[in-house]
Amino acid sequence: MSRVGSTHFATLWEEIADLEHTLRYVDAGGYRTRMLDFTGAGPEAQTVVLASGTSGHIEAWTQNIRAFVEAGFRVVGYDYPGHGYTSLADHPLEISDYEEHLLALLDALALERVHLAGESLGGWLALKFAPKHPDRLHTVILSAPGGRMVAEPQLDRTQSVSAQAVSEPTFENVKKRLQVVIHDPEKITDELVRVRQAIYARDGFSMAYVSALREPERRWRNRVTDDDFAAVPVPALMVWTDNEPTGDQAEGERLCGLIPDGEYLLVRGASHWPQWEGAAEFNAAAVAFLKQHAGWEDHR
């Protein structure tokens, strides 16, 4: 069982200390890519790949890893180019960059098919990746997926808070950046802030490159449309919240309804990180969804 409770959000070490895992770097498309790999379920286990949000990192999935591992899945978390501790980016990143990097990572790890769980930018990536590479996926989990062209009153605030967090990566500035995606500031752990502080303080880290998809012209070129939801070729779990800044509950239901084989989960009391703020509910639904579509004969 996950150690997540109503009064305690576990640190990454609390969650993984007793689980068989490795933290290592692999070459994926020329990027020295940081990855956290949980292999205790054995060589025949299906794999869940965790893809984070803009300027995010593996630790965004702290509250979910154990649930997937204990359900019998191999879990791989990784950092995108320019993000976390993967090689720094040398140009503004677009969805094609993230797609190519993910494909290279799957090839480097000899993973033929995976379950792809993406939050925010990770969901955006999953929506674009799935129709192009359906043979590489079993399912997708879309946790508050980004990429749509909507009126986002928080967008300017996000850019300004992000820029300040990088130019002056103090504890308070970085916590303000996390408050953009986490509804309840009490649910932001000191560990999460300090991990991101260290990443933002890396020599050469560029928020402009990793947040390039917020630029209107580039965002339009890479945008997610209703057609993208309708084109998802594998089963999908769509996770929305009651405080999602890009759309209300009805919009989340509408988008899920476009997916040919879509299942909907609404997490209450959360904003743009349902996998973190509503971890217990998210984990239960995600594990049930994965087991439903894994096929035990291939899974164990």
C-alpha atoms as a PDB file:
ATOM      1  CA  MET A   1       0.000   0.000   0.000  1.00  0.00           C
ATOM      2  CA  SER A   2       1.158   3.544  -0.605  1.00  0.00           C
ATOM      3  CA  ARG A   3       2.304   5.479   2.436  1.00  0.00           C
ATOM      4  CA  VAL A   4       0.389   8.532   1.227  1.00  0.00           C
ATOM      5  CA  GLY A   5      -2.078   9.739   3.824  1.00  0.00           C
ATOM      6  CA  SER A   6      -4.265  12.741   4.489  1.00  0.00           C
ATOM      7  CA  THR A   7      -1.695  14.283   6.825  1.00  0.00           C
ATOM      8  CA  HIS A   8       1.599  13.046   5.402  1.00  0.00           C
ATOM      9  CA  PHE A   9       3.051  13.201   1.921  1.00  0.00           C
ATOM     10  CA  ALA A  10       5.935  10.763   1.729  1.00  0.00           C
ATOM     11  CA  THR A  11       9.401  11.652   0.521  1.00  0.00           C
ATOM     12  CA  LEU A  12      10.810   9.795  -2.460  1.00  0.00           C
ATOM     13  CA  TRP A  13      13.184   7.861  -0.218  1.00  0.00           C
ATOM     14  CA  GLU A  14      10.351   6.786   2.095  1.00  0.00           C
ATOM     15  CA  GLU A  15       8.502   5.455  -0.930  1.00  0.00           C
ATOM     16  CA  ILE A  16      11.316   3.564  -2.649  1.00  0.00           C
ATOM     17  CA  ALA A  17      13.883   2.638   0.023  1.00  0.00           C
ATOM     18  CA  ASP A  18      12.723  -0.987   0.271  1.00  0.00           C
ATOM     19  CA  LEU A  19      11.921  -1.433  -3.419  1.00  0.00           C
ATOM     20  CA  GLU A  20      14.393  -2.956  -5.863  1.00  0.00           C
ATOM     21  CA  HIS A  21      15.495  -0.088  -8.073  1.00  0.00           C
ATOM     22  CA  THR A  22      18.361   1.574  -9.878  1.00  0.00           C
ATOM     23  CA  LEU A  23      19.025   5.217 -10.626  1.00  0.00           C
ATOM     24  CA  ARG A  24      21.154   5.434 -13.734  1.00  0.00           C
ATOM     25  CA  TYR A  25      21.819   7.335 -16.943  1.00  0.00           C
ATOM     26  CA  VAL A  26      21.271   6.010 -20.453  1.00  0.00           C
ATOM     27  CA  ASP A  27      21.946   7.538 -23.846  1.00  0.00           C
ATOM     28  CA  ALA A  28      18.638   8.360 -25.522  1.00  0.00           C
ATOM     29  CA  GLY A  29      18.902  10.231 -28.792  1.00  0.00           C
ATOM     30  CA  GLY A  30      22.209  11.752 -27.766  1.00  0.00           C
ATOM     31  CA  TYR A  31      20.937  12.956 -24.377  1.00  0.00           C
ATOM     32  CA  ARG A  32      22.449  11.574 -21.180  1.00  0.00           C
ATOM     33  CA  THR A  33      19.078  10.717 -19.686  1.00  0.00           C
ATOM     34  CA  ARG A  34      18.429  10.258 -15.975  1.00  0.00           C
ATOM     35  CA  MET A  35      16.090   7.362 -15.237  1.00  0.00           C
ATOM     36  CA  LEU A  36      14.774   5.604 -12.155  1.00  0.00           C
ATOM     37  CA  ASP A  37      14.031   1.956 -12.877  1.00  0.00           C
ATOM     38  CA  PHE A  38      12.056  -0.462 -10.680  1.00  0.00           C
ATOM     39  CA  THR A  39      12.594  -4.047 -11.828  1.00  0.00           C
ATOM     40  CA  GLY A  40      11.444  -6.076  -8.806  1.00  0.00           C
ATOM     41  CA  ALA A  41       8.397  -7.448 -10.641  1.00  0.00           C
ATOM     42  CA  GLY A  42      10.666  -9.537 -12.867  1.00  0.00           C
ATOM     43  CA  PRO A  43      11.725  -9.574 -16.524  1.00  0.00           C
ATOM     44  CA  GLU A  44       8.271 -10.508 -17.857  1.00  0.00           C
ATOM     45  CA  ALA A  45       6.448  -7.615 -16.200  1.00  0.00           C
ATOM     46  CA  GLN A  46       4.901  -4.926 -18.348  1.00  0.00           C
ATOM     47  CA  THR A  47       6.369  -1.456 -17.917  1.00  0.00           C
ATOM     48  CA  VAL A  48       4.774   1.822 -16.876  1.00  0.00           C
ATOM     49  CA  VAL A  49       6.745   4.840 -18.118  1.00  0.00           C
ATOM     50  CA  LEU A  50       6.225   8.075 -16.175  1.00  0.00           C
ATOM     51  CA  ALA A  51       6.393  11.376 -18.086  1.00  0.00           C
ATOM     52  CA  SER A  52       6.310  14.626 -16.098  1.00  0.00           C
ATOM     53  CA  GLY A  53       5.202  18.191 -16.799  1.00  0.00           C
ATOM     54  CA  THR A  54       6.994  21.298 -18.025  1.00  0.00           C
ATOM     55  CA  SER A  55      10.219  21.900 -16.037  1.00  0.00           C
ATOM     56  CA  GLY A  56       9.356  18.752 -14.103  1.00  0.00           C
ATOM     57  CA  HIS A  57      11.333  15.670 -13.121  1.00  0.00           C
ATOM     58  CA  ILE A  58      11.009  12.091 -11.897  1.00  0.00           C
ATOM     59  CA  GLU A  59      10.143  13.200  -8.366  1.00  0.00           C
ATOM     60  CA  ALA A  60       6.727  14.471  -9.521  1.00  0.00           C
ATOM     61  CA  TRP A  61       5.660  10.798  -9.322  1.00  0.00           C
ATOM     62  CA  THR A  62       6.880  10.192  -5.765  1.00  0.00           C
ATOM     63  CA  GLN A  63       3.391   9.385  -4.502  1.00  0.00           C
ATOM     64  CA  ASN A  64       2.566   6.881  -7.256  1.00  0.00           C
ATOM     65  CA  ILE A  65       5.594   4.677  -7.872  1.00  0.00           C
ATOM     66  CA  ARG A  66       4.978   2.219  -5.032  1.00  0.00           C
ATOM     67  CA  ALA A  67       1.383   1.584  -6.073  1.00  0.00           C
ATOM     68  CA  PHE A  68       2.450   0.613  -9.604  1.00  0.00           C
ATOM     69  CA  VAL A  69       5.354  -1.533  -8.392  1.00  0.00           C
ATOM     70  CA  GLU A  70       3.258  -3.363  -5.810  1.00  0.00           C
ATOM     71  CA  ALA A  71       0.673  -4.064  -8.514  1.00  0.00           C
ATOM     72  CA  GLY A  72       3.347  -6.027 -10.366  1.00  0.00           C
ATOM     73  CA  PHE A  73       4.589  -3.538 -12.938  1.00  0.00           C
ATOM     74  CA  ARG A  74       8.079  -2.452 -13.814  1.00  0.00           C
ATOM     75  CA  VAL A  75       8.223   1.324 -13.452  1.00  0.00           C
ATOM     76  CA  VAL A  76      10.531   3.655 -15.377  1.00  0.00           C
ATOM     77  CA  GLY A  77      10.651   7.345 -14.559  1.00  0.00           C
ATOM     78  CA  TYR A  78      12.818   9.655 -16.641  1.00  0.00           C
ATOM     79  CA  ASP A  79      13.763  13.286 -17.188  1.00  0.00           C
ATOM     80  CA  TYR A  80      13.219  14.970 -20.552  1.00  0.00           C
ATOM     81  CA  PRO A  81      16.037  16.822 -22.357  1.00  0.00           C
ATOM     82  CA  GLY A  82      16.750  20.047 -20.511  1.00  0.00           C
ATOM     83  CA  HIS A  83      14.728  18.844 -17.508  1.00  0.00           C
ATOM     84  CA  GLY A  84      15.771  17.363 -14.191  1.00  0.00           C
ATOM     85  CA  TYR A  85      19.294  15.966 -14.488  1.00  0.00           C
ATOM     86  CA  THR A  86      19.186  14.900 -18.123  1.00  0.00           C
ATOM     87  CA  SER A  87      21.564  16.722 -20.493  1.00  0.00           C
ATOM     88  CA  LEU A  88      20.713  20.381 -20.877  1.00  0.00           C
ATOM     89  CA  ALA A  89      18.859  21.439 -24.010  1.00  0.00           C
ATOM     90  CA  ASP A  90      20.593  23.686 -26.552  1.00  0.00           C
ATOM     91  CA  HIS A  91      17.417  24.845 -28.330  1.00  0.00           C
ATOM     92  CA  PRO A  92      13.728  25.516 -27.614  1.00  0.00           C
ATOM     93  CA  LEU A  93      11.978  22.175 -27.195  1.00  0.00           C
ATOM     94  CA  GLU A  94       8.880  21.221 -29.179  1.00  0.00           C
ATOM     95  CA  ILE A  95       6.690  18.121 -29.018  1.00  0.00           C
ATOM     96  CA  SER A  96       8.693  16.417 -31.771  1.00  0.00           C
ATOM     97  CA  ASP A  97      11.793  16.678 -29.553  1.00  0.00           C
ATOM     98  CA  TYR A  98       9.999  14.967 -26.685  1.00  0.00           C
ATOM     99  CA  GLU A  99       8.579  12.298 -29.016  1.00  0.00           C
ATOM    100  CA  GLU A 100      11.974  11.498 -30.515  1.00  0.00           C
ATOM    101  CA  HIS A 101      13.566  11.349 -27.074  1.00  0.00           C
ATOM    102  CA  LEU A 102      10.882   9.004 -25.718  1.00  0.00           C
ATOM    103  CA  LEU A 103      11.195   6.716 -28.728  1.00  0.00           C
ATOM    104  CA  ALA A 104      14.970   6.653 -28.305  1.00  0.00           C
ATOM    105  CA  LEU A 105      14.579   5.836 -24.611  1.00  0.00           C
ATOM    106  CA  LEU A 106      12.226   2.926 -25.321  1.00  0.00           C
ATOM    107  CA  ASP A 107      14.685   1.614 -27.902  1.00  0.00           C
ATOM    108  CA  ALA A 108      17.652   2.043 -25.547  1.00  0.00           C
ATOM    109  CA  LEU A 109      15.836   0.004 -22.887  1.00  0.00           C
ATOM    110  CA  ALA A 110      14.564  -2.559 -25.433  1.00  0.00           C
ATOM    111  CA  LEU A 111      10.966  -1.845 -24.407  1.00  0.00           C
ATOM    112  CA  GLU A 112       8.673  -2.898 -27.238  1.00  0.00           C
ATOM    113  CA  ARG A 113       5.385  -1.763 -25.654  1.00  0.00           C
ATOM    114  CA  VAL A 114       4.657   0.196 -22.488  1.00  0.00           C
ATOM    115  CA  HIS A 115       1.918   1.887 -20.529  1.00  0.00           C
ATOM    116  CA  LEU A 116       2.629   5.629 -20.769  1.00  0.00           C
ATOM    117  CA  ALA A 117       1.506   7.788 -17.840  1.00  0.00           C
ATOM    118  CA  GLY A 118       1.897  11.494 -18.525  1.00  0.00           C
ATOM    119  CA  GLU A 119       0.980  14.526 -16.448  1.00  0.00           C
ATOM    120  CA  SER A 120       0.490  17.964 -18.030  1.00  0.00           C
ATOM    121  CA  LEU A 121       3.222  18.105 -20.717  1.00  0.00           C
ATOM    122  CA  GLY A 122       3.525  14.332 -20.328  1.00  0.00           C
ATOM    123  CA  GLY A 123      -0.150  13.975 -21.254  1.00  0.00           C
ATOM    124  CA  TRP A 124       0.390  16.300 -24.207  1.00  0.00           C
ATOM    125  CA  LEU A 125       3.271  14.084 -25.290  1.00  0.00           C
ATOM    126  CA  ALA A 126       1.156  10.937 -24.880  1.00  0.00           C
ATOM    127  CA  LEU A 127      -1.665  12.383 -27.000  1.00  0.00           C
ATOM    128  CA  LYS A 128       0.741  13.166 -29.847  1.00  0.00           C
ATOM    129  CA  PHE A 129       2.884  10.026 -29.479  1.00  0.00           C
ATOM    130  CA  ALA A 130       0.078   7.441 -29.345  1.00  0.00           C
ATOM    131  CA  PRO A 131      -1.372   7.827 -32.882  1.00  0.00           C
ATOM    132  CA  LYS A 132       2.104   7.804 -34.412  1.00  0.00           C
ATOM    133  CA  HIS A 133       3.393   4.818 -32.455  1.00  0.00           C
ATOM    134  CA  PRO A 134       0.399   2.691 -31.412  1.00  0.00           C
ATOM    135  CA  ASP A 135       2.536  -0.434 -31.629  1.00  0.00           C
ATOM    136  CA  ARG A 136       4.717   0.862 -28.761  1.00  0.00           C
ATOM    137  CA  LEU A 137       1.863   1.385 -26.293  1.00  0.00           C
ATOM    138  CA  HIS A 138      -0.539  -0.758 -24.288  1.00  0.00           C
ATOM    139  CA  THR A 139      -2.392   2.181 -22.726  1.00  0.00           C
ATOM    140  CA  VAL A 140      -2.009   5.841 -21.788  1.00  0.00           C
ATOM    141  CA  ILE A 141      -2.852   7.648 -18.561  1.00  0.00           C
ATOM    142  CA  LEU A 142      -3.546  11.333 -19.176  1.00  0.00           C
ATOM    143  CA  SER A 143      -3.158  13.234 -15.905  1.00  0.00           C
ATOM    144  CA  ALA A 144      -4.416  16.807 -16.510  1.00  0.00           C
ATOM    145  CA  PRO A 145      -3.011  16.734 -20.059  1.00  0.00           C
ATOM    146  CA  GLY A 146      -1.829  20.045 -21.487  1.00  0.00           C
ATOM    147  CA  GLY A 147      -1.470  21.469 -24.962  1.00  0.00           C
ATOM    148  CA  ARG A 148      -4.887  22.857 -25.807  1.00  0.00           C
ATOM    149  CA  MET A 149      -5.325  26.423 -27.041  1.00  0.00           C
ATOM    150  CA  VAL A 150      -7.524  27.857 -24.309  1.00  0.00           C
ATOM    151  CA  ALA A 151      -7.788  31.147 -22.470  1.00  0.00           C
ATOM    152  CA  GLU A 152      -5.410  30.570 -19.579  1.00  0.00           C
ATOM    153  CA  PRO A 153      -5.460  33.487 -17.143  1.00  0.00           C
ATOM    154  CA  GLN A 154      -2.674  31.843 -15.168  1.00  0.00           C
ATOM    155  CA  LEU A 155      -0.326  31.593 -18.149  1.00  0.00           C
ATOM    156  CA  ASP A 156       1.332  34.987 -17.714  1.00  0.00           C
ATOM    157  CA  ARG A 157       1.629  34.397 -13.983  1.00  0.00           C
ATOM    158  CA  THR A 158       3.163  30.980 -14.609  1.00  0.00           C
ATOM    159  CA  GLN A 159       5.794  32.435 -16.949  1.00  0.00           C
ATOM    160  CA  SER A 160       6.701  35.210 -14.549  1.00  0.00           C
ATOM    161  CA  VAL A 161       6.826  32.922 -11.493  1.00  0.00           C
ATOM    162  CA  SER A 162       8.878  30.362 -13.448  1.00  0.00           C
ATOM    163  CA  ALA A 163      11.377  32.981 -14.613  1.00  0.00           C
ATOM    164  CA  GLN A 164      11.839  34.290 -11.092  1.00  0.00           C
ATOM    165  CA  ALA A 165      12.248  30.772  -9.684  1.00  0.00           C
ATOM    166  CA  VAL A 166      15.155  30.183 -12.083  1.00  0.00           C
ATOM    167  CA  SER A 167      16.795  33.614 -11.831  1.00  0.00           C
ATOM    168  CA  GLU A 168      16.482  33.521  -8.023  1.00  0.00           C
ATOM    169  CA  PRO A 169      15.973  29.864  -6.992  1.00  0.00           C
ATOM    170  CA  THR A 170      15.198  30.545  -3.349  1.00  0.00           C
ATOM    171  CA  PHE A 171      13.030  28.148  -1.384  1.00  0.00           C
ATOM    172  CA  GLU A 172      10.110  30.586  -1.417  1.00  0.00           C
ATOM    173  CA  ASN A 173      10.367  31.390  -5.143  1.00  0.00           C
ATOM    174  CA  VAL A 174      10.454  27.725  -6.110  1.00  0.00           C
ATOM    175  CA  LYS A 175       7.550  26.955  -3.798  1.00  0.00           C
ATOM    176  CA  LYS A 176       5.549  29.718  -5.525  1.00  0.00           C
ATOM    177  CA  ARG A 177       6.231  27.986  -8.856  1.00  0.00           C
ATOM    178  CA  LEU A 178       4.870  24.717  -7.454  1.00  0.00           C
ATOM    179  CA  GLN A 179       1.790  26.511  -6.140  1.00  0.00           C
ATOM    180  CA  VAL A 180       0.840  27.116  -9.783  1.00  0.00           C
ATOM    181  CA  VAL A 181       0.162  23.385 -10.193  1.00  0.00           C
ATOM    182  CA  ILE A 182      -0.658  22.248  -6.640  1.00  0.00           C
ATOM    183  CA  HIS A 183      -3.932  23.572  -5.196  1.00  0.00           C
ATOM    184  CA  ASP A 184      -3.157  23.177  -1.488  1.00  0.00           C
ATOM    185  CA  PRO A 185       0.237  24.671  -0.521  1.00  0.00           C
ATOM    186  CA  GLU A 186       0.284  22.392   2.529  1.00  0.00           C
ATOM    187  CA  LYS A 187       0.731  19.478   0.126  1.00  0.00           C
ATOM    188  CA  ILE A 188       4.023  20.830  -1.225  1.00  0.00           C
ATOM    189  CA  THR A 189       6.768  18.950   0.590  1.00  0.00           C
ATOM    190  CA  ASP A 190      10.072  20.544   1.501  1.00  0.00           C
ATOM    191  CA  GLU A 191      11.792  17.735  -0.401  1.00  0.00           C
ATOM    192  CA  LEU A 192       9.917  18.586  -3.604  1.00  0.00           C
ATOM    193  CA  VAL A 193      10.897  22.252  -3.310  1.00  0.00           C
ATOM    194  CA  ARG A 194      14.550  21.478  -2.605  1.00  0.00           C
ATOM    195  CA  VAL A 195      14.830  18.989  -5.465  1.00  0.00           C
ATOM    196  CA  ARG A 196      13.490  21.600  -7.865  1.00  0.00           C
ATOM    197  CA  GLN A 197      15.682  24.303  -6.319  1.00  0.00           C
ATOM    198  CA  ALA A 198      18.765  22.263  -7.140  1.00  0.00           C
ATOM    199  CA  ILE A 199      17.576  21.615 -10.707  1.00  0.00           C
ATOM    200  CA  TYR A 200      16.758  25.264 -11.398  1.00  0.00           C
ATOM    201  CA  ALA A 201      20.163  26.238 -10.016  1.00  0.00           C
ATOM    202  CA  ARG A 202      22.047  23.978 -12.470  1.00  0.00           C
ATOM    203  CA  ASP A 203      24.616  25.887 -14.476  1.00  0.00           C
ATOM    204  CA  GLY A 204      23.114  26.389 -17.937  1.00  0.00           C
ATOM    205  CA  PHE A 205      19.532  25.456 -17.043  1.00  0.00           C
ATOM    206  CA  SER A 206      17.196  27.321 -19.397  1.00  0.00           C
ATOM    207  CA  MET A 207      13.547  27.829 -18.528  1.00  0.00           C
ATOM    208  CA  ALA A 208      13.153  29.490 -21.943  1.00  0.00           C
ATOM    209  CA  TYR A 209      14.088  26.237 -23.697  1.00  0.00           C
ATOM    210  CA  VAL A 210      12.013  23.879 -21.513  1.00  0.00           C
ATOM    211  CA  SER A 211       8.996  26.222 -21.448  1.00  0.00           C
ATOM    212  CA  ALA A 212       9.166  27.138 -25.144  1.00  0.00           C
ATOM    213  CA  LEU A 213       5.747  25.587 -25.787  1.00  0.00           C
ATOM    214  CA  ARG A 214       4.185  28.449 -23.849  1.00  0.00           C
ATOM    215  CA  GLU A 215       5.111  30.863 -26.653  1.00  0.00           C
ATOM    216  CA  PRO A 216       1.876  31.481 -28.629  1.00  0.00           C
ATOM    217  CA  GLU A 217       3.190  30.704 -32.123  1.00  0.00           C
ATOM    218  CA  ARG A 218       5.068  27.586 -31.028  1.00  0.00           C
ATOM    219  CA  ARG A 219       2.161  26.439 -28.882  1.00  0.00           C
ATOM    220  CA  TRP A 220      -0.214  26.803 -31.832  1.00  0.00           C
ATOM    221  CA  ARG A 221       2.096  24.726 -34.026  1.00  0.00           C
ATOM    222  CA  ASN A 222       2.179  21.946 -31.412  1.00  0.00           C
ATOM    223  CA  ARG A 223      -1.348  22.347 -30.065  1.00  0.00           C
ATOM    224  CA  VAL A 224      -3.662  19.560 -28.937  1.00  0.00           C
ATOM    225  CA  THR A 225      -7.069  19.531 -30.636  1.00  0.00           C
ATOM    226  CA  ASP A 226     -10.266  17.545 -30.216  1.00  0.00           C
ATOM    227  CA  ASP A 227      -9.046  15.431 -33.112  1.00  0.00           C
ATOM    228  CA  ASP A 228      -6.006  14.394 -31.065  1.00  0.00           C
ATOM    229  CA  PHE A 229      -8.226  13.029 -28.302  1.00  0.00           C
ATOM    230  CA  ALA A 230     -10.364  11.262 -30.892  1.00  0.00           C
ATOM    231  CA  ALA A 231      -7.263   9.703 -32.459  1.00  0.00           C
ATOM    232  CA  VAL A 232      -5.982   7.957 -29.311  1.00  0.00           C
ATOM    233  CA  PRO A 233      -5.690   4.350 -30.531  1.00  0.00           C
ATOM    234  CA  VAL A 234      -5.251   2.620 -27.161  1.00  0.00           C
ATOM    235  CA  PRO A 235      -7.279   2.529 -23.933  1.00  0.00           C
ATOM    236  CA  ALA A 236      -6.879   5.770 -21.976  1.00  0.00           C
ATOM    237  CA  LEU A 237      -7.507   6.842 -18.395  1.00  0.00           C
ATOM    238  CA  MET A 238      -8.320  10.560 -18.406  1.00  0.00           C
ATOM    239  CA  VAL A 239      -7.691  12.217 -15.031  1.00  0.00           C
ATOM    240  CA  TRP A 240      -9.136  15.680 -14.382  1.00  0.00           C
ATOM    241  CA  THR A 241      -9.645  17.858 -11.293  1.00  0.00           C
ATOM    242  CA  ASP A 242     -12.205  20.264  -9.920  1.00  0.00           C
ATOM    243  CA  ASN A 243      -9.629  23.086  -9.951  1.00  0.00           C
ATOM    244  CA  GLU A 244      -7.985  22.403 -13.309  1.00  0.00           C
ATOM    245  CA  PRO A 245      -6.909  25.812 -14.679  1.00  0.00           C
ATOM    246  CA  THR A 246      -7.476  24.892 -18.348  1.00  0.00           C
ATOM    247  CA  GLY A 247     -11.091  23.783 -18.076  1.00  0.00           C
ATOM    248  CA  ASP A 248     -13.936  22.903 -15.737  1.00  0.00           C
ATOM    249  CA  GLN A 249     -15.293  19.460 -14.891  1.00  0.00           C
ATOM    250  CA  ALA A 250     -17.631  19.466 -17.875  1.00  0.00           C
ATOM    251  CA  GLU A 251     -14.700  20.131 -20.206  1.00  0.00           C
ATOM    252  CA  GLY A 252     -12.767  17.218 -18.749  1.00  0.00           C
ATOM    253  CA  GLU A 253     -15.744  14.922 -19.300  1.00  0.00           C
ATOM    254  CA  ARG A 254     -16.179  16.229 -22.842  1.00  0.00           C
ATOM    255  CA  LEU A 255     -12.548  15.598 -23.744  1.00  0.00           C
ATOM    256  CA  CYS A 256     -12.656  12.106 -22.307  1.00  0.00           C
ATOM    257  CA  GLY A 257     -15.802  11.433 -24.312  1.00  0.00           C
ATOM    258  CA  LEU A 258     -13.836  12.065 -27.501  1.00  0.00           C
ATOM    259  CA  ILE A 259     -11.434   9.191 -26.768  1.00  0.00           C
ATOM    260  CA  PRO A 260     -12.649   5.965 -28.427  1.00  0.00           C
ATOM    261  CA  ASP A 261     -11.765   3.833 -25.361  1.00  0.00           C
ATOM    262  CA  GLY A 262     -11.620   6.421 -22.588  1.00  0.00           C
ATOM    263  CA  GLU A 263     -12.228   6.135 -18.846  1.00  0.00           C
ATOM    264  CA  TYR A 264     -12.741   9.249 -16.707  1.00  0.00           C
ATOM    265  CA  LEU A 265     -11.559  10.054 -13.186  1.00  0.00           C
ATOM    266  CA  LEU A 266     -12.301  13.343 -11.426  1.00  0.00           C
ATOM    267  CA  VAL A 267     -10.011  14.143  -8.496  1.00  0.00           C
ATOM    268  CA  ARG A 268     -11.471  16.718  -6.123  1.00  0.00           C
ATOM    269  CA  GLY A 269      -9.495  19.227  -4.089  1.00  0.00           C
ATOM    270  CA  ALA A 270      -6.661  19.264  -6.632  1.00  0.00           C
ATOM    271  CA  SER A 271      -5.386  21.495  -9.422  1.00  0.00           C
ATOM    272  CA  HIS A 272      -2.889  20.491 -12.118  1.00  0.00           C
ATOM    273  CA  TRP A 273      -1.141  17.616 -10.285  1.00  0.00           C
ATOM    274  CA  PRO A 274      -3.910  15.089  -9.556  1.00  0.00           C
ATOM    275  CA  GLN A 275      -1.367  12.260  -9.330  1.00  0.00           C
ATOM    276  CA  TRP A 276       0.191  14.093  -6.360  1.00  0.00           C
ATOM    277  CA  GLU A 277      -2.703  15.822  -4.594  1.00  0.00           C
ATOM    278  CA  GLY A 278      -5.185  12.981  -5.039  1.00  0.00           C
ATOM    279  CA  ALA A 279      -2.623  10.205  -4.923  1.00  0.00           C
ATOM    280  CA  ALA A 280      -4.706   7.565  -3.112  1.00  0.00           C
ATOM    281  CA  GLU A 281      -7.654   7.958  -5.490  1.00  0.00           C
ATOM    282  CA  PHE A 282      -5.384   8.294  -8.521  1.00  0.00           C
ATOM    283  CA  ASN A 283      -3.388   5.195  -7.606  1.00  0.00           C
ATOM    284  CA  ALA A 284      -6.453   3.032  -7.045  1.00  0.00           C
ATOM    285  CA  ALA A 285      -7.992   4.017 -10.382  1.00  0.00           C
ATOM    286  CA  ALA A 286      -4.723   3.808 -12.299  1.00  0.00           C
ATOM    287  CA  VAL A 287      -3.812   0.371 -10.946  1.00  0.00           C
ATOM    288  CA  ALA A 288      -7.309  -0.981 -11.690  1.00  0.00           C
ATOM    289  CA  PHE A 289      -7.096   0.477 -15.199  1.00  0.00           C
ATOM    290  CA  LEU A 290      -3.639  -0.987 -15.840  1.00  0.00           C
ATOM    291  CA  LYS A 291      -4.605  -4.425 -14.560  1.00  0.00           C
ATOM    292  CA  GLN A 292      -7.738  -4.394 -16.695  1.00  0.00           C
ATOM    293  CA  HIS A 293      -5.719  -3.797 -19.845  1.00  0.00           C
ATOM    294  CA  ALA A 294      -2.493  -5.651 -19.034  1.00  0.00           C
ATOM    295  CA  GLY A 295      -3.641  -9.226 -19.492  1.00  0.00           C
ATOM    296  CA  TRP A 296      -2.268 -11.323 -16.675  1.00  0.00           C
ATOM    297  CA  GLU A 297      -0.798 -13.900 -19.031  1.00  0.00           C
ATOM    298  CA  ASP A 298       1.603 -11.215 -20.278  1.00  0.00           C
ATOM    299  CA  HIS A 299       1.816  -9.353 -17.014  1.00  0.00           C
ATOM    300  CA  ARG A 300       3.274 -11.830 -14.553  1.00  0.00           C
END
